[in-house]
């Protein structure tokens, strides 16, 4: 029980503030990068939907033929 109290007594407020600031900066940068990644993924998903739609509209496409669908998988 005395161990956590000893650690808290030895910690300096400036060290705690520095660690909190570094964690906050790291979190904010990571959040921005994840937002960019989410935007890219949604764009990629939309591009894949467009390609799939174009392929289905083509009459010679193998995707329309259900017997060929098993071979394509």
Protein backbone atom coordinates (compact mmCIF):
# COMPACT_ATOMS: atom_id res chain seq x y z
CA UNK A 1 0.00 0.00 0.00
CA UNK A 2 2.93 2.32 0.66
CA UNK A 3 4.45 1.66 -2.76
CA UNK A 4 1.99 3.80 -4.82
CA UNK A 5 2.24 6.62 -2.27
CA UNK A 6 6.06 6.56 -2.48
CA UNK A 7 5.91 6.74 -6.28
CA UNK A 8 3.47 9.66 -6.19
CA UNK A 9 5.70 11.52 -3.74
CA UNK A 10 8.74 11.09 -6.01
CA UNK A 11 6.94 12.24 -9.18
CA UNK A 12 7.51 15.80 -10.19
CA UNK A 13 4.59 17.89 -11.45
CA UNK A 14 6.70 19.07 -14.40
CA UNK A 15 7.36 15.49 -15.47
CA UNK A 16 3.65 14.70 -15.29
CA UNK A 17 2.80 17.77 -17.36
CA UNK A 18 5.46 16.88 -19.93
CA UNK A 19 4.18 13.30 -20.24
CA UNK A 20 0.57 14.48 -20.51
CA UNK A 21 1.53 16.98 -23.22
CA UNK A 22 3.42 14.36 -25.22
CA UNK A 23 0.50 11.94 -24.99
CA UNK A 24 -1.95 14.63 -26.08
CA UNK A 25 0.20 15.59 -29.09
CA UNK A 26 0.62 11.94 -30.06
CA UNK A 27 -3.12 11.32 -29.76
CA UNK A 28 -4.06 14.37 -31.84
CA UNK A 29 -1.61 13.46 -34.61
CA UNK A 30 -2.82 9.86 -34.61
CA UNK A 31 -6.44 11.03 -34.81
CA UNK A 32 -5.64 13.21 -37.85
CA UNK A 33 -3.87 10.33 -39.59
CA UNK A 34 -6.79 7.99 -38.91
CA UNK A 35 -9.20 10.54 -40.38
CA UNK A 36 -7.08 10.72 -43.54
CA UNK A 37 -7.00 6.93 -43.74
CA UNK A 38 -10.77 6.75 -43.32
CA UNK A 39 -11.19 9.26 -46.17
CA UNK A 40 -8.90 7.20 -48.41
CA UNK A 41 -10.72 3.98 -47.59
CA UNK A 42 -14.12 5.48 -48.38
CA UNK A 43 -12.76 6.81 -51.68
CA UNK A 44 -11.34 3.39 -52.50
CA UNK A 45 -14.65 1.76 -51.64
CA UNK A 46 -16.50 4.16 -53.95
CA UNK A 47 -14.00 3.46 -56.74
CA UNK A 48 -14.51 -0.27 -56.33
CA UNK A 49 -18.29 0.16 -56.51
CA UNK A 50 -17.90 2.16 -59.72
CA UNK A 51 -15.69 -0.50 -61.30
CA UNK A 52 -18.07 -3.25 -60.25
CA UNK A 53 -21.01 -1.35 -61.73
CA UNK A 54 -19.22 -0.78 -65.03
CA UNK A 55 -18.28 -4.44 -65.25
CA UNK A 56 -21.84 -5.54 -64.61
CA UNK A 57 -23.14 -3.21 -67.32
CA UNK A 58 -20.90 -4.80 -69.93
CA UNK A 59 -22.64 -7.63 -71.70
CA UNK A 60 -19.51 -9.67 -72.25
CA UNK A 61 -18.49 -9.60 -68.61
CA UNK A 62 -18.08 -12.91 -66.77
CA UNK A 63 -19.65 -11.49 -63.64
CA UNK A 64 -23.12 -11.57 -65.21
CA UNK A 65 -22.83 -15.24 -66.09
CA UNK A 66 -23.66 -17.15 -62.91
CA UNK A 67 -22.01 -20.32 -64.17
CA UNK A 68 -18.76 -18.43 -64.68
CA UNK A 69 -19.04 -16.77 -61.26
CA UNK A 70 -17.95 -19.97 -59.51
CA UNK A 71 -14.94 -20.25 -61.80
CA UNK A 72 -13.97 -16.63 -61.09
CA UNK A 73 -14.05 -17.22 -57.33
